[in-house]
Amino acid sequence: MKIENEDVRKAAEIAKIYLNNEEVESYKIDLEDMTQEFLDVLQSLGIDLDEKFDFTQSSSKRTVLRNDNPDVFEETDKIIKNAPSVKEGLFTVPTILKGEN
């Protein structure tokens, strides 16, 4: 897969890094090699890509989800007993954000 110098410069700009012309060329070669290696692996798995292949779509036609069945847990005392800090039956944690209360 052909990668242009401008593609590397755009990626560097997004990443907020400066690349000189030598580095752009080096990264371009590395990215082309990595991309080709990725495509070779896909091909070895029997996955053929064409220019119209949409990477944003999942190959799975449906998502497999488990049923959401709530269970009642009645041994909360055991959990609370192991907590480092509890107030009114709830875990307490250190304040991270300070603001108006």
C-alpha atoms as a PDB file:
ATOM      1  CA  MET A   1       0.000   0.000   0.000  1.00  0.00           C
ATOM      2  CA  LYS A   2       1.402   3.359  -1.017  1.00  0.00           C
ATOM      3  CA  ILE A   3       1.685   5.981   1.724  1.00  0.00           C
ATOM      4  CA  GLU A   4       2.466   9.559   0.793  1.00  0.00           C
ATOM      5  CA  ASN A   5       4.785  11.920   2.648  1.00  0.00           C
ATOM      6  CA  GLU A   6       1.800  14.189   3.230  1.00  0.00           C
ATOM      7  CA  ASP A   7       0.016  11.359   5.085  1.00  0.00           C
ATOM      8  CA  VAL A   8       2.984  11.030   7.448  1.00  0.00           C
ATOM      9  CA  ARG A   9       3.148  14.804   7.951  1.00  0.00           C
ATOM     10  CA  LYS A  10      -0.583  14.914   8.736  1.00  0.00           C
ATOM     11  CA  ALA A  11      -0.231  12.095  11.301  1.00  0.00           C
ATOM     12  CA  ALA A  12       2.752  13.864  12.867  1.00  0.00           C
ATOM     13  CA  GLU A  13       0.770  17.103  13.063  1.00  0.00           C
ATOM     14  CA  ILE A  14      -2.108  15.323  14.796  1.00  0.00           C
ATOM     15  CA  ALA A  15       0.372  13.715  17.210  1.00  0.00           C
ATOM     16  CA  LYS A  16       1.963  17.139  17.801  1.00  0.00           C
ATOM     17  CA  ILE A  17       5.448  15.991  16.824  1.00  0.00           C
ATOM     18  CA  TYR A  18       7.915  17.589  14.455  1.00  0.00           C
ATOM     19  CA  LEU A  19       9.512  15.433  11.770  1.00  0.00           C
ATOM     20  CA  ASN A  20      12.219  16.607   9.418  1.00  0.00           C
ATOM     21  CA  ASN A  21      12.222  15.413   5.792  1.00  0.00           C
ATOM     22  CA  GLU A  22      14.533  12.492   6.571  1.00  0.00           C
ATOM     23  CA  GLU A  23      12.276  11.291   9.383  1.00  0.00           C
ATOM     24  CA  VAL A  24       9.167  11.636   7.210  1.00  0.00           C
ATOM     25  CA  GLU A  25      10.754   9.422   4.575  1.00  0.00           C
ATOM     26  CA  SER A  26      11.867   6.870   7.187  1.00  0.00           C
ATOM     27  CA  TYR A  27       8.429   6.716   8.799  1.00  0.00           C
ATOM     28  CA  LYS A  28       6.777   6.441   5.393  1.00  0.00           C
ATOM     29  CA  ILE A  29       8.859   3.358   4.564  1.00  0.00           C
ATOM     30  CA  ASP A  30       8.144   1.830   7.997  1.00  0.00           C
ATOM     31  CA  LEU A  31       4.399   2.459   7.668  1.00  0.00           C
ATOM     32  CA  GLU A  32       4.324   0.972   4.176  1.00  0.00           C
ATOM     33  CA  ASP A  33       6.127  -2.136   5.470  1.00  0.00           C
ATOM     34  CA  MET A  34       3.767  -2.507   8.441  1.00  0.00           C
ATOM     35  CA  THR A  35       0.708  -2.003   6.262  1.00  0.00           C
ATOM     36  CA  GLN A  36       1.930  -4.581   3.754  1.00  0.00           C
ATOM     37  CA  GLU A  37       2.652  -7.048   6.553  1.00  0.00           C
ATOM     38  CA  PHE A  38      -0.891  -6.525   7.896  1.00  0.00           C
ATOM     39  CA  LEU A  39      -2.393  -7.072   4.443  1.00  0.00           C
ATOM     40  CA  ASP A  40      -0.288 -10.215   3.981  1.00  0.00           C
ATOM     41  CA  VAL A  41      -1.613 -11.637   7.255  1.00  0.00           C
ATOM     42  CA  LEU A  42      -5.195 -10.884   6.215  1.00  0.00           C
ATOM     43  CA  GLN A  43      -4.602 -12.547   2.864  1.00  0.00           C
ATOM     44  CA  SER A  44      -3.109 -15.627   4.564  1.00  0.00           C
ATOM     45  CA  LEU A  45      -6.314 -15.850   6.596  1.00  0.00           C
ATOM     46  CA  GLY A  46      -8.355 -15.808   3.408  1.00  0.00           C
ATOM     47  CA  ILE A  47      -9.589 -12.242   3.868  1.00  0.00           C
ATOM     48  CA  ASP A  48      -9.380 -10.403   0.578  1.00  0.00           C
ATOM     49  CA  LEU A  49      -9.674  -6.642   0.672  1.00  0.00           C
ATOM     50  CA  ASP A  50     -10.418  -4.331  -2.169  1.00  0.00           C
ATOM     51  CA  GLU A  51     -10.332  -0.554  -2.292  1.00  0.00           C
ATOM     52  CA  LYS A  52     -14.018  -0.419  -1.355  1.00  0.00           C
ATOM     53  CA  PHE A  53     -13.576  -2.453   1.859  1.00  0.00           C
ATOM     54  CA  ASP A  54     -15.204  -0.626   4.768  1.00  0.00           C
ATOM     55  CA  PHE A  55     -13.089  -0.953   7.921  1.00  0.00           C
ATOM     56  CA  THR A  56     -15.736   0.872   9.954  1.00  0.00           C
ATOM     57  CA  GLN A  57     -18.222  -1.987   9.686  1.00  0.00           C
ATOM     58  CA  SER A  58     -17.987  -5.137  11.754  1.00  0.00           C
ATOM     59  CA  SER A  59     -17.748  -8.421   9.924  1.00  0.00           C
ATOM     60  CA  SER A  60     -20.241  -9.850  12.387  1.00  0.00           C
ATOM     61  CA  LYS A  61     -23.859  -9.452  11.378  1.00  0.00           C
ATOM     62  CA  ARG A  62     -25.112  -9.316  14.946  1.00  0.00           C
ATOM     63  CA  THR A  63     -23.810  -8.665  18.399  1.00  0.00           C
ATOM     64  CA  VAL A  64     -24.000 -11.523  20.850  1.00  0.00           C
ATOM     65  CA  LEU A  65     -25.059 -10.357  24.284  1.00  0.00           C
ATOM     66  CA  ARG A  66     -25.846 -12.266  27.421  1.00  0.00           C
ATOM     67  CA  ASN A  67     -29.147 -11.771  29.215  1.00  0.00           C
ATOM     68  CA  ASP A  68     -29.023  -9.146  31.922  1.00  0.00           C
ATOM     69  CA  ASN A  69     -30.479 -10.967  34.904  1.00  0.00           C
ATOM     70  CA  PRO A  70     -29.979  -9.172  38.223  1.00  0.00           C
ATOM     71  CA  ASP A  71     -29.223 -11.270  41.276  1.00  0.00           C
ATOM     72  CA  VAL A  72     -29.878 -10.334  44.865  1.00  0.00           C
ATOM     73  CA  PHE A  73     -26.688 -10.357  46.911  1.00  0.00           C
ATOM     74  CA  GLU A  74     -27.431 -10.592  50.587  1.00  0.00           C
ATOM     75  CA  GLU A  75     -23.918 -10.796  52.029  1.00  0.00           C
ATOM     76  CA  THR A  76     -23.133  -7.071  51.829  1.00  0.00           C
ATOM     77  CA  ASP A  77     -21.770  -7.140  55.398  1.00  0.00           C
ATOM     78  CA  LYS A  78     -18.822  -9.261  54.190  1.00  0.00           C
ATOM     79  CA  ILE A  79     -18.003  -6.751  51.482  1.00  0.00           C
ATOM     80  CA  ILE A  80     -18.391  -3.720  53.746  1.00  0.00           C
ATOM     81  CA  LYS A  81     -16.187  -5.353  56.383  1.00  0.00           C
ATOM     82  CA  ASN A  82     -13.317  -5.557  53.861  1.00  0.00           C
ATOM     83  CA  ALA A  83     -13.679  -1.988  52.607  1.00  0.00           C
ATOM     84  CA  PRO A  84     -10.970   0.452  53.693  1.00  0.00           C
ATOM     85  CA  SER A  85     -13.498   3.199  54.432  1.00  0.00           C
ATOM     86  CA  VAL A  86     -17.303   3.143  54.791  1.00  0.00           C
ATOM     87  CA  LYS A  87     -19.816   5.862  55.634  1.00  0.00           C
ATOM     88  CA  GLU A  88     -23.525   5.141  56.060  1.00  0.00           C
ATOM     89  CA  GLY A  89     -23.179   1.756  54.377  1.00  0.00           C
ATOM     90  CA  LEU A  90     -21.392   3.120  51.294  1.00  0.00           C
ATOM     91  CA  PHE A  91     -17.769   2.963  50.212  1.00  0.00           C
ATOM     92  CA  THR A  92     -15.915   6.240  50.598  1.00  0.00           C
ATOM     93  CA  VAL A  93     -13.076   7.236  48.325  1.00  0.00           C
ATOM     94  CA  PRO A  94     -10.608  10.121  48.384  1.00  0.00           C
ATOM     95  CA  THR A  95     -11.793  13.377  46.818  1.00  0.00           C
ATOM     96  CA  ILE A  96     -10.346  13.843  43.361  1.00  0.00           C
ATOM     97  CA  LEU A  97     -12.137  16.949  42.117  1.00  0.00           C
ATOM     98  CA  LYS A  98     -12.642  19.859  44.433  1.00  0.00           C
ATOM     99  CA  GLY A  99     -15.430  22.286  43.774  1.00  0.00           C
ATOM    100  CA  GLU A 100     -18.333  24.093  45.319  1.00  0.00           C
ATOM    101  CA  ASN A 101     -20.502  21.877  47.526  1.00  0.00           C
END
